[in-house]
Amino acid sequence: MKTLTKEEMRRHIQQMINKHGLVTSQCDRPSQAWASRELEEICIPPIKSAISYAAALHEIGHIQGRYQTSRHSLVRELAAWRWARQQALTWTPAMERTCASSLAWAARNGATH
C-alpha cells in the first residue's frame, strides 16, 4: 500500500475533477459531501487526509461510476464506493472503515444520494 502525501491526494482529486469537467464546491466535513449527477457537481471537503480523499473519490463515483441511475440507493452507494476504490492511488484501512461505515448507514437509513 503506497502512502500518499496530502498534496498528492489533492492533486489526484483535482485531476479527476478536471478530467470529468465537474463543478465543485466545498463542504466542511466528509459526512457533508454530496454529488449531483444531473448537474455534474460535487461538494467535497478540503483534502486533508485519506478519509477526505476517499469521500471525494466516492462523490466523483456518484457521477462517473456505474449503476448511478438505479432506483435503489444502496446499489448507487455500493457502486460509487467500488468506483472510488478502483480509482484511488492507495486504499488504506481508514478509507475502508469509512466505506464500511457509510454503507452500513445507507443500509440502515435507506439513504438517497
PDB file of N, CA and C in Angstrom:
ATOM      1  N   MET A   1       0.842  -1.175   0.000  1.00  0.00           N
ATOM      2  CA  MET A   1       0.000   0.000   0.000  1.00  0.00           C
ATOM      3  C   MET A   1       0.892   1.245   0.000  1.00  0.00           C
ATOM      4  N   LYS A   2       0.722   2.073  -0.986  1.00  0.00           N
ATOM      5  CA  LYS A   2       1.513   3.287  -1.112  1.00  0.00           C
ATOM      6  C   LYS A   2       0.963   4.368  -0.182  1.00  0.00           C
ATOM      7  N   THR A   3       1.856   5.055   0.507  1.00  0.00           N
ATOM      8  CA  THR A   3       1.467   6.179   1.339  1.00  0.00           C
ATOM      9  C   THR A   3       1.542   7.444   0.498  1.00  0.00           C
ATOM     10  N   LEU A   4       0.460   8.176   0.474  1.00  0.00           N
ATOM     11  CA  LEU A   4       0.412   9.425  -0.292  1.00  0.00           C
ATOM     12  C   LEU A   4       0.482  10.625   0.638  1.00  0.00           C
ATOM     13  N   THR A   5       1.073  11.686   0.156  1.00  0.00           N
ATOM     14  CA  THR A   5       1.041  12.937   0.903  1.00  0.00           C
ATOM     15  C   THR A   5      -0.305  13.608   0.645  1.00  0.00           C
ATOM     16  N   LYS A   6      -0.642  14.565   1.500  1.00  0.00           N
ATOM     17  CA  LYS A   6      -1.877  15.338   1.293  1.00  0.00           C
ATOM     18  C   LYS A   6      -1.857  15.998  -0.086  1.00  0.00           C
ATOM     19  N   GLU A   7      -0.703  16.512  -0.455  1.00  0.00           N
ATOM     20  CA  GLU A   7      -0.595  17.191  -1.754  1.00  0.00           C
ATOM     21  C   GLU A   7      -0.836  16.224  -2.906  1.00  0.00           C
ATOM     22  N   GLU A   8      -0.338  15.000  -2.816  1.00  0.00           N
ATOM     23  CA  GLU A   8      -0.584  14.008  -3.868  1.00  0.00           C
ATOM     24  C   GLU A   8      -2.072  13.666  -3.957  1.00  0.00           C
ATOM     25  N   MET A   9      -2.720  13.546  -2.796  1.00  0.00           N
ATOM     26  CA  MET A   9      -4.157  13.267  -2.797  1.00  0.00           C
ATOM     27  C   MET A   9      -4.937  14.436  -3.395  1.00  0.00           C
ATOM     28  N   ARG A  10      -4.581  15.651  -2.980  1.00  0.00           N
ATOM     29  CA  ARG A  10      -5.254  16.851  -3.522  1.00  0.00           C
ATOM     30  C   ARG A  10      -5.079  16.928  -5.038  1.00  0.00           C
ATOM     31  N   ARG A  11      -3.858  16.690  -5.488  1.00  0.00           N
ATOM     32  CA  ARG A  11      -3.563  16.763  -6.922  1.00  0.00           C
ATOM     33  C   ARG A  11      -4.366  15.715  -7.693  1.00  0.00           C
ATOM     34  N   HIS A  12      -4.456  14.513  -7.163  1.00  0.00           N
ATOM     35  CA  HIS A  12      -5.218  13.459  -7.840  1.00  0.00           C
ATOM     36  C   HIS A  12      -6.700  13.828  -7.943  1.00  0.00           C
ATOM     37  N   ILE A  13      -7.261  14.343  -6.854  1.00  0.00           N
ATOM     38  CA  ILE A  13      -8.677  14.747  -6.894  1.00  0.00           C
ATOM     39  C   ILE A  13      -8.871  15.873  -7.903  1.00  0.00           C
ATOM     40  N   GLN A  14      -7.977  16.844  -7.918  1.00  0.00           N
ATOM     41  CA  GLN A  14      -8.112  17.942  -8.881  1.00  0.00           C
ATOM     42  C   GLN A  14      -8.001  17.428 -10.308  1.00  0.00           C
ATOM     43  N   GLN A  15      -7.113  16.480 -10.547  1.00  0.00           N
ATOM     44  CA  GLN A  15      -7.002  15.873 -11.881  1.00  0.00           C
ATOM     45  C   GLN A  15      -8.308  15.187 -12.273  1.00  0.00           C
ATOM     46  N   MET A  16      -8.920  14.480 -11.346  1.00  0.00           N
ATOM     47  CA  MET A  16     -10.194  13.801 -11.629  1.00  0.00           C
ATOM     48  C   MET A  16     -11.304  14.821 -11.916  1.00  0.00           C
ATOM     49  N   ILE A  17     -11.335  15.881 -11.146  1.00  0.00           N
ATOM     50  CA  ILE A  17     -12.329  16.947 -11.351  1.00  0.00           C
ATOM     51  C   ILE A  17     -12.144  17.547 -12.739  1.00  0.00           C
ATOM     52  N   ASN A  18     -10.910  17.858 -13.088  1.00  0.00           N
ATOM     53  CA  ASN A  18     -10.630  18.441 -14.399  1.00  0.00           C
ATOM     54  C   ASN A  18     -10.948  17.458 -15.521  1.00  0.00           C
ATOM     55  N   LYS A  19     -10.529  16.212 -15.371  1.00  0.00           N
ATOM     56  CA  LYS A  19     -10.751  15.186 -16.391  1.00  0.00           C
ATOM     57  C   LYS A  19     -12.230  15.027 -16.718  1.00  0.00           C
ATOM     58  N   HIS A  20     -13.075  15.077 -15.689  1.00  0.00           N
ATOM     59  CA  HIS A  20     -14.503  14.833 -15.885  1.00  0.00           C
ATOM     60  C   HIS A  20     -15.312  16.124 -15.995  1.00  0.00           C
ATOM     61  N   GLY A  21     -14.644  17.271 -15.950  1.00  0.00           N
ATOM     62  CA  GLY A  21     -15.324  18.550 -16.125  1.00  0.00           C
ATOM     63  C   GLY A  21     -16.374  18.832 -15.064  1.00  0.00           C
ATOM     64  N   LEU A  22     -16.069  18.512 -13.817  1.00  0.00           N
ATOM     65  CA  LEU A  22     -17.050  18.656 -12.746  1.00  0.00           C
ATOM     66  C   LEU A  22     -17.035  20.047 -12.142  1.00  0.00           C
ATOM     67  N   VAL A  23     -18.200  20.479 -11.718  1.00  0.00           N
ATOM     68  CA  VAL A  23     -18.342  21.697 -10.933  1.00  0.00           C
ATOM     69  C   VAL A  23     -18.162  21.280  -9.479  1.00  0.00           C
ATOM     70  N   THR A  24     -17.418  22.071  -8.713  1.00  0.00           N
ATOM     71  CA  THR A  24     -17.183  21.706  -7.320  1.00  0.00           C
ATOM     72  C   THR A  24     -17.493  22.856  -6.386  1.00  0.00           C
ATOM     73  N   SER A  25     -17.880  22.481  -5.188  1.00  0.00           N
ATOM     74  CA  SER A  25     -17.969  23.425  -4.079  1.00  0.00           C
ATOM     75  C   SER A  25     -17.390  22.715  -2.872  1.00  0.00           C
ATOM     76  N   GLN A  26     -17.225  23.449  -1.799  1.00  0.00           N
ATOM     77  CA  GLN A  26     -16.548  22.883  -0.631  1.00  0.00           C
ATOM     78  C   GLN A  26     -17.497  22.802   0.547  1.00  0.00           C
ATOM     79  N   CYS A  27     -17.469  21.663   1.231  1.00  0.00           N
ATOM     80  CA  CYS A  27     -18.193  21.497   2.481  1.00  0.00           C
ATOM     81  C   CYS A  27     -17.155  21.343   3.594  1.00  0.00           C
ATOM     82  N   ASP A  28     -17.612  21.335   4.828  1.00  0.00           N
ATOM     83  CA  ASP A  28     -16.674  21.310   5.950  1.00  0.00           C
ATOM     84  C   ASP A  28     -16.119  19.932   6.276  1.00  0.00           C
ATOM     85  N   ARG A  29     -16.971  18.894   6.168  1.00  0.00           N
ATOM     86  CA  ARG A  29     -16.573  17.556   6.613  1.00  0.00           C
ATOM     87  C   ARG A  29     -16.949  16.515   5.562  1.00  0.00           C
ATOM     88  N   PRO A  30     -16.253  15.363   5.575  1.00  0.00           N
ATOM     89  CA  PRO A  30     -16.606  14.291   4.635  1.00  0.00           C
ATOM     90  C   PRO A  30     -18.072  13.868   4.732  1.00  0.00           C
ATOM     91  N   SER A  31     -18.647  13.903   5.934  1.00  0.00           N
ATOM     92  CA  SER A  31     -20.042  13.494   6.104  1.00  0.00           C
ATOM     93  C   SER A  31     -21.029  14.463   5.446  1.00  0.00           C
ATOM     94  N   GLN A  32     -20.583  15.637   5.060  1.00  0.00           N
ATOM     95  CA  GLN A  32     -21.446  16.613   4.396  1.00  0.00           C
ATOM     96  C   GLN A  32     -21.311  16.582   2.876  1.00  0.00           C
ATOM     97  N   ALA A  33     -20.441  15.742   2.361  1.00  0.00           N
ATOM     98  CA  ALA A  33     -20.191  15.691   0.916  1.00  0.00           C
ATOM     99  C   ALA A  33     -21.428  15.191   0.174  1.00  0.00           C
ATOM    100  N   TRP A  34     -21.589  15.652  -1.060  1.00  0.00           N
ATOM    101  CA  TRP A  34     -22.704  15.202  -1.890  1.00  0.00           C
ATOM    102  C   TRP A  34     -22.333  15.332  -3.362  1.00  0.00           C
ATOM    103  N   ALA A  35     -23.157  14.713  -4.192  1.00  0.00           N
ATOM    104  CA  ALA A  35     -22.960  14.776  -5.641  1.00  0.00           C
ATOM    105  C   ALA A  35     -24.306  14.916  -6.325  1.00  0.00           C
ATOM    106  N   SER A  36     -24.317  15.639  -7.428  1.00  0.00           N
ATOM    107  CA  SER A  36     -25.486  15.738  -8.294  1.00  0.00           C
ATOM    108  C   SER A  36     -25.073  15.273  -9.678  1.00  0.00           C
ATOM    109  N   ARG A  37     -25.541  14.105 -10.047  1.00  0.00           N
ATOM    110  CA  ARG A  37     -25.222  13.556 -11.365  1.00  0.00           C
ATOM    111  C   ARG A  37     -25.794  14.452 -12.465  1.00  0.00           C
ATOM    112  N   GLU A  38     -26.996  14.940 -12.260  1.00  0.00           N
ATOM    113  CA  GLU A  38     -27.656  15.776 -13.270  1.00  0.00           C
ATOM    114  C   GLU A  38     -26.881  17.054 -13.543  1.00  0.00           C
ATOM    115  N   LEU A  39     -26.332  17.651 -12.493  1.00  0.00           N
ATOM    116  CA  LEU A  39     -25.590  18.909 -12.633  1.00  0.00           C
ATOM    117  C   LEU A  39     -24.091  18.698 -12.829  1.00  0.00           C
ATOM    118  N   GLU A  40     -23.646  17.440 -12.709  1.00  0.00           N
ATOM    119  CA  GLU A  40     -22.220  17.121 -12.729  1.00  0.00           C
ATOM    120  C   GLU A  40     -21.473  18.008 -11.739  1.00  0.00           C
ATOM    121  N   GLU A  41     -22.014  18.020 -10.523  1.00  0.00           N
ATOM    122  CA  GLU A  41     -21.464  18.859  -9.463  1.00  0.00           C
ATOM    123  C   GLU A  41     -21.242  18.025  -8.215  1.00  0.00           C
ATOM    124  N   ILE A  42     -20.141  18.307  -7.532  1.00  0.00           N
ATOM    125  CA  ILE A  42     -19.860  17.669  -6.251  1.00  0.00           C
ATOM    126  C   ILE A  42     -19.530  18.729  -5.215  1.00  0.00           C
ATOM    127  N   CYS A  43     -19.841  18.403  -3.981  1.00  0.00           N
ATOM    128  CA  CYS A  43     -19.433  19.224  -2.847  1.00  0.00           C
ATOM    129  C   CYS A  43     -18.559  18.317  -1.999  1.00  0.00           C
ATOM    130  N   ILE A  44     -17.307  18.693  -1.832  1.00  0.00           N
ATOM    131  CA  ILE A  44     -16.350  17.853  -1.108  1.00  0.00           C
ATOM    132  C   ILE A  44     -15.605  18.682  -0.072  1.00  0.00           C
ATOM    133  N   PRO A  45     -15.113  18.016   0.978  1.00  0.00           N
ATOM    134  CA  PRO A  45     -14.313  18.740   1.971  1.00  0.00           C
ATOM    135  C   PRO A  45     -12.903  18.985   1.446  1.00  0.00           C
ATOM    136  N   PRO A  46     -12.166  19.871   2.086  1.00  0.00           N
ATOM    137  CA  PRO A  46     -10.755  20.013   1.733  1.00  0.00           C
ATOM    138  C   PRO A  46     -10.061  18.662   1.928  1.00  0.00           C
ATOM    139  N   ILE A  47      -9.146  18.323   1.054  1.00  0.00           N
ATOM    140  CA  ILE A  47      -8.442  17.047   1.135  1.00  0.00           C
ATOM    141  C   ILE A  47      -7.305  17.197   2.145  1.00  0.00           C
ATOM    142  N   LYS A  48      -7.573  16.687   3.356  1.00  0.00           N
ATOM    143  CA  LYS A  48      -6.606  16.793   4.452  1.00  0.00           C
ATOM    144  C   LYS A  48      -6.156  15.440   4.969  1.00  0.00           C
ATOM    145  N   SER A  49      -6.800  14.374   4.492  1.00  0.00           N
ATOM    146  CA  SER A  49      -6.484  13.040   4.997  1.00  0.00           C
ATOM    147  C   SER A  49      -6.964  11.992   3.995  1.00  0.00           C
ATOM    148  N   ALA A  50      -6.642  10.740   4.284  1.00  0.00           N
ATOM    149  CA  ALA A  50      -7.131   9.643   3.439  1.00  0.00           C
ATOM    150  C   ALA A  50      -8.652   9.575   3.458  1.00  0.00           C
ATOM    151  N   ILE A  51      -9.264   9.960   4.572  1.00  0.00           N
ATOM    152  CA  ILE A  51     -10.725   9.908   4.674  1.00  0.00           C
ATOM    153  C   ILE A  51     -11.376  10.948   3.771  1.00  0.00           C
ATOM    154  N   SER A  52     -10.876  12.168   3.771  1.00  0.00           N
ATOM    155  CA  SER A  52     -11.463  13.176   2.881  1.00  0.00           C
ATOM    156  C   SER A  52     -11.145  12.852   1.424  1.00  0.00           C
ATOM    157  N   TYR A  53     -10.013  12.231   1.169  1.00  0.00           N
ATOM    158  CA  TYR A  53      -9.660  11.771  -0.178  1.00  0.00           C
ATOM    159  C   TYR A  53     -10.662  10.714  -0.638  1.00  0.00           C
ATOM    160  N   ALA A  54     -10.955   9.742   0.234  1.00  0.00           N
ATOM    161  CA  ALA A  54     -11.928   8.695  -0.099  1.00  0.00           C
ATOM    162  C   ALA A  54     -13.314   9.294  -0.338  1.00  0.00           C
ATOM    163  N   ALA A  55     -13.703  10.249   0.505  1.00  0.00           N
ATOM    164  CA  ALA A  55     -15.016  10.881   0.351  1.00  0.00           C
ATOM    165  C   ALA A  55     -15.114  11.592  -0.996  1.00  0.00           C
ATOM    166  N   ALA A  56     -14.059  12.283  -1.387  1.00  0.00           N
ATOM    167  CA  ALA A  56     -14.061  12.986  -2.675  1.00  0.00           C
ATOM    168  C   ALA A  56     -14.160  11.990  -3.834  1.00  0.00           C
ATOM    169  N   LEU A  57     -13.375  10.916  -3.766  1.00  0.00           N
ATOM    170  CA  LEU A  57     -13.458   9.894  -4.817  1.00  0.00           C
ATOM    171  C   LEU A  57     -14.850   9.288  -4.882  1.00  0.00           C
ATOM    172  N   HIS A  58     -15.439   9.038  -3.725  1.00  0.00           N
ATOM    173  CA  HIS A  58     -16.783   8.474  -3.661  1.00  0.00           C
ATOM    174  C   HIS A  58     -17.792   9.392  -4.344  1.00  0.00           C
ATOM    175  N   GLU A  59     -17.711  10.681  -4.073  1.00  0.00           N
ATOM    176  CA  GLU A  59     -18.658  11.620  -4.698  1.00  0.00           C
ATOM    177  C   GLU A  59     -18.447  11.687  -6.203  1.00  0.00           C
ATOM    178  N   ILE A  60     -17.211  11.666  -6.656  1.00  0.00           N
ATOM    179  CA  ILE A  60     -16.958  11.619  -8.102  1.00  0.00           C
ATOM    180  C   ILE A  60     -17.538  10.323  -8.663  1.00  0.00           C
ATOM    181  N   GLY A  61     -17.440   9.246  -7.898  1.00  0.00           N
ATOM    182  CA  GLY A  61     -18.011   7.964  -8.306  1.00  0.00           C
ATOM    183  C   GLY A  61     -19.516   8.010  -8.497  1.00  0.00           C
ATOM    184  N   HIS A  62     -20.189   8.898  -7.771  1.00  0.00           N
ATOM    185  CA  HIS A  62     -21.636   9.048  -7.968  1.00  0.00           C
ATOM    186  C   HIS A  62     -21.955   9.651  -9.335  1.00  0.00           C
ATOM    187  N   ILE A  63     -20.987  10.305  -9.934  1.00  0.00           N
ATOM    188  CA  ILE A  63     -21.194  10.882 -11.263  1.00  0.00           C
ATOM    189  C   ILE A  63     -20.616   9.974 -12.341  1.00  0.00           C
ATOM    190  N   GLN A  64     -19.439   9.431 -12.108  1.00  0.00           N
ATOM    191  CA  GLN A  64     -18.739   8.653 -13.129  1.00  0.00           C
ATOM    192  C   GLN A  64     -18.962   7.144 -13.034  1.00  0.00           C
ATOM    193  N   GLY A  65     -19.376   6.681 -11.885  1.00  0.00           N
ATOM    194  CA  GLY A  65     -19.494   5.247 -11.671  1.00  0.00           C
ATOM    195  C   GLY A  65     -20.715   4.619 -12.328  1.00  0.00           C
ATOM    196  N   ARG A  66     -20.714   3.287 -12.343  1.00  0.00           N
ATOM    197  CA  ARG A  66     -21.823   2.525 -12.898  1.00  0.00           C
ATOM    198  C   ARG A  66     -23.001   2.524 -11.926  1.00  0.00           C
ATOM    199  N   TYR A  67     -24.150   2.199 -12.450  1.00  0.00           N
ATOM    200  CA  TYR A  67     -25.385   1.974 -11.683  1.00  0.00           C
ATOM    201  C   TYR A  67     -25.890   3.195 -10.930  1.00  0.00           C
ATOM    202  N   GLN A  68     -25.479   4.377 -11.325  1.00  0.00           N
ATOM    203  CA  GLN A  68     -25.898   5.574 -10.613  1.00  0.00           C
ATOM    204  C   GLN A  68     -27.310   6.022 -10.978  1.00  0.00           C
ATOM    205  N   THR A  69     -27.922   5.351 -11.921  1.00  0.00           N
ATOM    206  CA  THR A  69     -29.323   5.651 -12.230  1.00  0.00           C
ATOM    207  C   THR A  69     -30.259   4.613 -11.610  1.00  0.00           C
ATOM    208  N   SER A  70     -29.711   3.690 -10.830  1.00  0.00           N
ATOM    209  CA  SER A  70     -30.545   2.701 -10.144  1.00  0.00           C
ATOM    210  C   SER A  70     -31.519   3.398  -9.208  1.00  0.00           C
ATOM    211  N   ARG A  71     -32.700   2.861  -9.096  1.00  0.00           N
ATOM    212  CA  ARG A  71     -33.662   3.445  -8.157  1.00  0.00           C
ATOM    213  C   ARG A  71     -33.384   3.014  -6.728  1.00  0.00           C
ATOM    214  N   HIS A  72     -32.424   2.132  -6.536  1.00  0.00           N
ATOM    215  CA  HIS A  72     -32.058   1.635  -5.212  1.00  0.00           C
ATOM    216  C   HIS A  72     -30.814   2.367  -4.703  1.00  0.00           C
ATOM    217  N   SER A  73     -30.969   3.112  -3.639  1.00  0.00           N
ATOM    218  CA  SER A  73     -29.861   3.923  -3.132  1.00  0.00           C
ATOM    219  C   SER A  73     -28.659   3.076  -2.721  1.00  0.00           C
ATOM    220  N   LEU A  74     -28.899   1.907  -2.166  1.00  0.00           N
ATOM    221  CA  LEU A  74     -27.767   1.079  -1.749  1.00  0.00           C
ATOM    222  C   LEU A  74     -26.952   0.601  -2.952  1.00  0.00           C
ATOM    223  N   VAL A  75     -27.605   0.345  -4.060  1.00  0.00           N
ATOM    224  CA  VAL A  75     -26.890  -0.025  -5.298  1.00  0.00           C
ATOM    225  C   VAL A  75     -25.999   1.136  -5.726  1.00  0.00           C
ATOM    226  N   ARG A  76     -26.542   2.350  -5.689  1.00  0.00           N
ATOM    227  CA  ARG A  76     -25.757   3.533  -6.067  1.00  0.00           C
ATOM    228  C   ARG A  76     -24.574   3.723  -5.120  1.00  0.00           C
ATOM    229  N   GLU A  77     -24.806   3.557  -3.834  1.00  0.00           N
ATOM    230  CA  GLU A  77     -23.733   3.719  -2.848  1.00  0.00           C
ATOM    231  C   GLU A  77     -22.625   2.683  -3.048  1.00  0.00           C
ATOM    232  N   LEU A  78     -23.016   1.422  -3.183  1.00  0.00           N
ATOM    233  CA  LEU A  78     -22.030   0.365  -3.408  1.00  0.00           C
ATOM    234  C   LEU A  78     -21.191   0.632  -4.653  1.00  0.00           C
ATOM    235  N   ALA A  79     -21.858   1.023  -5.717  1.00  0.00           N
ATOM    236  CA  ALA A  79     -21.154   1.273  -6.976  1.00  0.00           C
ATOM    237  C   ALA A  79     -20.215   2.477  -6.870  1.00  0.00           C
ATOM    238  N   ALA A  80     -20.637   3.530  -6.175  1.00  0.00           N
ATOM    239  CA  ALA A  80     -19.776   4.709  -6.013  1.00  0.00           C
ATOM    240  C   ALA A  80     -18.540   4.371  -5.185  1.00  0.00           C
ATOM    241  N   TRP A  81     -18.716   3.546  -4.143  1.00  0.00           N
ATOM    242  CA  TRP A  81     -17.550   3.122  -3.361  1.00  0.00           C
ATOM    243  C   TRP A  81     -16.649   2.200  -4.163  1.00  0.00           C
ATOM    244  N   ARG A  82     -17.223   1.339  -4.960  1.00  0.00           N
ATOM    245  CA  ARG A  82     -16.402   0.453  -5.806  1.00  0.00           C
ATOM    246  C   ARG A  82     -15.573   1.300  -6.777  1.00  0.00           C
ATOM    247  N   TRP A  83     -16.204   2.283  -7.388  1.00  0.00           N
ATOM    248  CA  TRP A  83     -15.508   3.170  -8.314  1.00  0.00           C
ATOM    249  C   TRP A  83     -14.374   3.898  -7.578  1.00  0.00           C
ATOM    250  N   ALA A  84     -14.659   4.389  -6.374  1.00  0.00           N
ATOM    251  CA  ALA A  84     -13.641   5.105  -5.591  1.00  0.00           C
ATOM    252  C   ALA A  84     -12.435   4.211  -5.328  1.00  0.00           C
ATOM    253  N   ARG A  85     -12.684   2.967  -4.929  1.00  0.00           N
ATOM    254  CA  ARG A  85     -11.583   2.019  -4.672  1.00  0.00           C
ATOM    255  C   ARG A  85     -10.746   1.801  -5.926  1.00  0.00           C
ATOM    256  N   GLN A  86     -11.424   1.652  -7.062  1.00  0.00           N
ATOM    257  CA  GLN A  86     -10.718   1.377  -8.321  1.00  0.00           C
ATOM    258  C   GLN A  86      -9.868   2.561  -8.776  1.00  0.00           C
ATOM    259  N   GLN A  87     -10.307   3.766  -8.484  1.00  0.00           N
ATOM    260  CA  GLN A  87      -9.597   4.962  -8.942  1.00  0.00           C
ATOM    261  C   GLN A  87      -8.530   5.440  -7.967  1.00  0.00           C
ATOM    262  N   ALA A  88      -8.618   5.026  -6.719  1.00  0.00           N
ATOM    263  CA  ALA A  88      -7.708   5.505  -5.678  1.00  0.00           C
ATOM    264  C   ALA A  88      -6.260   5.097  -5.973  1.00  0.00           C
ATOM    265  N   LEU A  89      -5.364   5.985  -5.680  1.00  0.00           N
ATOM    266  CA  LEU A  89      -3.939   5.687  -5.815  1.00  0.00           C
ATOM    267  C   LEU A  89      -3.458   4.834  -4.650  1.00  0.00           C
ATOM    268  N   THR A  90      -4.217   4.844  -3.574  1.00  0.00           N
ATOM    269  CA  THR A  90      -3.983   3.997  -2.402  1.00  0.00           C
ATOM    270  C   THR A  90      -5.321   3.770  -1.744  1.00  0.00           C
ATOM    271  N   TRP A  91      -5.429   2.700  -0.973  1.00  0.00           N
ATOM    272  CA  TRP A  91      -6.661   2.427  -0.221  1.00  0.00           C
ATOM    273  C   TRP A  91      -6.233   1.926   1.155  1.00  0.00           C
ATOM    274  N   THR A  92      -6.402   2.767   2.145  1.00  0.00           N
ATOM    275  CA  THR A  92      -5.926   2.479   3.491  1.00  0.00           C
ATOM    276  C   THR A  92      -7.010   1.816   4.341  1.00  0.00           C
ATOM    277  N   PRO A  93      -6.615   1.237   5.467  1.00  0.00           N
ATOM    278  CA  PRO A  93      -7.623   0.701   6.385  1.00  0.00           C
ATOM    279  C   PRO A  93      -8.628   1.766   6.838  1.00  0.00           C
ATOM    280  N   ALA A  94      -8.172   2.989   7.048  1.00  0.00           N
ATOM    281  CA  ALA A  94      -9.091   4.068   7.442  1.00  0.00           C
ATOM    282  C   ALA A  94     -10.106   4.345   6.335  1.00  0.00           C
ATOM    283  N   MET A  95      -9.664   4.295   5.088  1.00  0.00           N
ATOM    284  CA  MET A  95     -10.581   4.504   3.962  1.00  0.00           C
ATOM    285  C   MET A  95     -11.603   3.369   3.911  1.00  0.00           C
ATOM    286  N   GLU A  96     -11.155   2.149   4.151  1.00  0.00           N
ATOM    287  CA  GLU A  96     -12.055   1.005   4.146  1.00  0.00           C
ATOM    288  C   GLU A  96     -13.076   1.108   5.277  1.00  0.00           C
ATOM    289  N   ARG A  97     -12.647   1.563   6.451  1.00  0.00           N
ATOM    290  CA  ARG A  97     -13.582   1.752   7.568  1.00  0.00           C
ATOM    291  C   ARG A  97     -14.615   2.825   7.234  1.00  0.00           C
ATOM    292  N   THR A  98     -14.185   3.897   6.582  1.00  0.00           N
ATOM    293  CA  THR A  98     -15.107   4.955   6.167  1.00  0.00           C
ATOM    294  C   THR A  98     -16.139   4.403   5.188  1.00  0.00           C
ATOM    295  N   CYS A  99     -15.669   3.632   4.240  1.00  0.00           N
ATOM    296  CA  CYS A  99     -16.555   2.996   3.262  1.00  0.00           C
ATOM    297  C   CYS A  99     -17.571   2.091   3.970  1.00  0.00           C
ATOM    298  N   ALA A 100     -17.097   1.220   4.836  1.00  0.00           N
ATOM    299  CA  ALA A 100     -17.976   0.286   5.536  1.00  0.00           C
ATOM    300  C   ALA A 100     -18.994   1.019   6.399  1.00  0.00           C
ATOM    301  N   SER A 101     -18.556   2.053   7.077  1.00  0.00           N
ATOM    302  CA  SER A 101     -19.458   2.842   7.918  1.00  0.00           C
ATOM    303  C   SER A 101     -20.524   3.536   7.084  1.00  0.00           C
ATOM    304  N   SER A 102     -20.113   4.101   5.974  1.00  0.00           N
ATOM    305  CA  SER A 102     -21.048   4.775   5.075  1.00  0.00           C
ATOM    306  C   SER A 102     -22.089   3.803   4.524  1.00  0.00           C
ATOM    307  N   LEU A 103     -21.626   2.628   4.108  1.00  0.00           N
ATOM    308  CA  LEU A 103     -22.554   1.630   3.561  1.00  0.00           C
ATOM    309  C   LEU A 103     -23.496   1.106   4.639  1.00  0.00           C
ATOM    310  N   ALA A 104     -23.005   0.925   5.851  1.00  0.00           N
ATOM    311  CA  ALA A 104     -23.870   0.477   6.949  1.00  0.00           C
ATOM    312  C   ALA A 104     -24.935   1.521   7.240  1.00  0.00           C
ATOM    313  N   TRP A 105     -24.539   2.793   7.249  1.00  0.00           N
ATOM    314  CA  TRP A 105     -25.511   3.862   7.474  1.00  0.00           C
ATOM    315  C   TRP A 105     -26.554   3.873   6.368  1.00  0.00           C
ATOM    316  N   ALA A 106     -26.103   3.757   5.120  1.00  0.00           N
ATOM    317  CA  ALA A 106     -27.026   3.759   3.982  1.00  0.00           C
ATOM    318  C   ALA A 106     -27.985   2.578   4.062  1.00  0.00           C
ATOM    319  N   ALA A 107     -27.513   1.421   4.472  1.00  0.00           N
ATOM    320  CA  ALA A 107     -28.365   0.232   4.582  1.00  0.00           C
ATOM    321  C   ALA A 107     -29.409   0.422   5.687  1.00  0.00           C
ATOM    322  N   ARG A 108     -29.013   1.029   6.780  1.00  0.00           N
ATOM    323  CA  ARG A 108     -29.949   1.261   7.895  1.00  0.00           C
ATOM    324  C   ARG A 108     -30.971   2.339   7.588  1.00  0.00           C
ATOM    325  N   ASN A 109     -30.559   3.351   6.869  1.00  0.00           N
ATOM    326  CA  ASN A 109     -31.387   4.543   6.713  1.00  0.00           C
ATOM    327  C   ASN A 109     -31.996   4.717   5.323  1.00  0.00           C
ATOM    328  N   GLY A 110     -31.694   3.823   4.423  1.00  0.00           N
ATOM    329  CA  GLY A 110     -32.237   3.961   3.072  1.00  0.00           C
ATOM    330  C   GLY A 110     -31.873   5.283   2.443  1.00  0.00           C
ATOM    331  N   ALA A 111     -30.616   5.676   2.600  1.00  0.00           N
ATOM    332  CA  ALA A 111     -30.142   6.985   2.128  1.00  0.00           C
ATOM    333  C   ALA A 111     -30.426   7.173   0.649  1.00  0.00           C
ATOM    334  N   THR A 112     -30.810   8.383   0.302  1.00  0.00           N
ATOM    335  CA  THR A 112     -30.908   8.767  -1.100  1.00  0.00           C
ATOM    336  C   THR A 112     -29.784   9.736  -1.344  1.00  0.00           C
ATOM    337  N   HIS A 113     -29.182   9.634  -2.498  1.00  0.00           N
ATOM    338  CA  HIS A 113     -27.987  10.437  -2.769  1.00  0.00           C
ATOM    339  C   HIS A 113     -28.125  11.113  -4.090  1.00  0.00           C
TER     340      HIS A 113
END
